[in-house]
Amino acid sequence: MARLIEFSRRSTVQLQKILEFYDERNGNDTYSRRLLKCLLADLRQKAMTPTASSPSTRSDVRFFYLMGFTIIFRYNTRKITVLSIRSSERKPLKLYQKQ
C-alpha cells in the first residue's frame, strides 16, 4: 500500500521559489513543469519503497537527488513528508539571486 505524500511548509515555500526562479529565468514554465512532474513521480516511487533511497543519520529520514536538487523526507507507515528541497549546486545561494 502506498503512503500519503505531503509537503511541509518549508518545502512548499522552497519548491515555489525554485519553480518561480526557473519560470522567470527561462521565460516559460516548461522546465518547471517537468521538474515538478519528475519530483511527484519520484515521490510516488518512494512512497512505495522509502528504504530504496539514501539513509540519513535518523532512521526515519531519507533523501534522494533529482535534477540538481536534494529532496529530504521523513516517512512512517502512513505517509511521507517532504521536509526540504535544497540545491545540490556548489554555490546554491547564487541560484536564487537576481543577476
Protein backbone atom coordinates (compact mmCIF):
# COMPACT_ATOMS: atom_id res chain seq x y z
CA MET A 1 0.00 0.00 0.00
CA ALA A 2 1.31 3.43 -0.96
CA ARG A 3 1.82 6.11 1.63
CA LEU A 4 0.22 9.55 1.51
CA ILE A 5 2.60 12.27 0.22
CA GLU A 6 2.62 15.66 1.90
CA PHE A 7 4.89 18.71 1.88
CA SER A 8 5.97 20.67 4.96
CA ARG A 9 5.51 24.45 4.93
CA ARG A 10 9.24 24.89 4.46
CA SER A 11 9.44 22.55 1.49
CA THR A 12 6.37 24.15 -0.10
CA VAL A 13 7.97 27.60 0.08
CA GLN A 14 11.27 26.22 -1.23
CA LEU A 15 9.55 24.50 -4.15
CA GLN A 16 7.60 27.65 -5.04
CA LYS A 17 10.81 29.72 -5.08
CA ILE A 18 12.58 27.14 -7.23
CA LEU A 19 9.74 26.95 -9.74
CA GLU A 20 9.35 30.75 -9.88
CA PHE A 21 13.09 31.16 -10.42
CA TYR A 22 13.12 28.83 -13.43
CA ASP A 23 9.90 30.35 -14.84
CA GLU A 24 11.43 33.82 -14.71
CA ARG A 25 14.88 32.81 -15.91
CA ASN A 26 13.66 30.69 -18.83
CA GLY A 27 10.74 32.91 -19.80
CA ASN A 28 8.31 29.96 -19.72
CA ASP A 29 7.23 27.18 -17.39
CA THR A 30 8.35 24.16 -19.43
CA TYR A 31 11.32 23.26 -17.22
CA SER A 32 9.36 23.95 -14.02
CA ARG A 33 6.52 21.67 -15.08
CA ARG A 34 9.00 18.92 -16.00
CA LEU A 35 10.80 19.30 -12.66
CA LEU A 36 7.52 19.11 -10.75
CA LYS A 37 6.35 16.11 -12.77
CA CYS A 38 9.63 14.25 -12.08
CA LEU A 39 9.51 15.18 -8.39
CA LEU A 40 5.98 13.85 -7.96
CA ALA A 41 6.79 10.66 -9.90
CA ASP A 42 9.86 10.01 -7.74
CA LEU A 43 7.89 10.69 -4.56
CA ARG A 44 5.24 8.18 -5.64
CA GLN A 45 8.03 5.59 -6.05
CA LYS A 46 9.49 6.49 -2.64
CA ALA A 47 6.01 6.15 -1.11
CA MET A 48 6.03 2.51 -2.19
CA THR A 49 9.60 1.76 -1.05
CA PRO A 50 11.11 4.60 1.02
CA THR A 51 14.08 2.49 2.08
CA ALA A 52 15.27 2.42 -1.53
CA SER A 53 16.61 5.96 -1.06
CA SER A 54 19.76 7.08 0.78
CA PRO A 55 19.68 6.93 4.59
CA SER A 56 20.45 9.86 6.86
CA THR A 57 21.61 9.93 10.47
CA ARG A 58 17.98 9.47 11.60
CA SER A 59 16.28 6.17 10.91
CA ASP A 60 13.01 7.74 9.72
CA VAL A 61 14.60 10.41 7.45
CA ARG A 62 15.95 9.70 3.98
CA PHE A 63 16.98 11.68 0.93
CA PHE A 64 17.42 11.40 -2.82
CA TYR A 65 18.80 13.51 -5.65
CA LEU A 66 16.72 14.80 -8.53
CA MET A 67 17.77 17.17 -11.33
CA GLY A 68 20.35 19.02 -9.23
CA PHE A 69 18.33 19.06 -6.00
CA THR A 70 18.43 17.09 -2.78
CA ILE A 71 15.00 16.09 -1.50
CA ILE A 72 14.87 15.23 2.20
CA PHE A 73 11.83 13.38 3.54
CA ARG A 74 10.54 11.65 6.66
CA TYR A 75 8.40 8.54 6.43
CA ASN A 76 6.28 6.24 8.55
CA THR A 77 3.72 3.55 7.79
CA ARG A 78 1.04 6.06 6.72
CA LYS A 79 2.79 8.94 4.96
CA ILE A 80 5.88 10.58 3.50
CA THR A 81 6.53 14.19 4.46
CA VAL A 82 8.91 16.21 2.28
CA LEU A 83 10.97 18.24 4.76
CA SER A 84 13.30 20.19 2.49
CA ILE A 85 14.26 20.71 -1.15
CA ARG A 86 17.81 22.01 -1.50
CA SER A 87 20.01 22.82 -4.41
CA SER A 88 22.96 20.48 -4.90
CA GLU A 89 24.95 23.18 -6.72
CA ARG A 90 28.36 24.17 -5.43
CA LYS A 91 27.16 27.70 -4.66
CA PRO A 92 23.41 27.27 -4.06
CA LEU A 93 22.83 30.81 -2.82
CA LYS A 94 23.79 32.20 -6.23
CA LEU A 95 20.97 30.20 -7.80
CA TYR A 96 18.21 32.43 -6.44
CA GLN A 97 19.94 35.80 -6.68
CA LYS A 98 18.81 38.11 -9.43
CA GLN A 99 21.53 38.99 -11.89
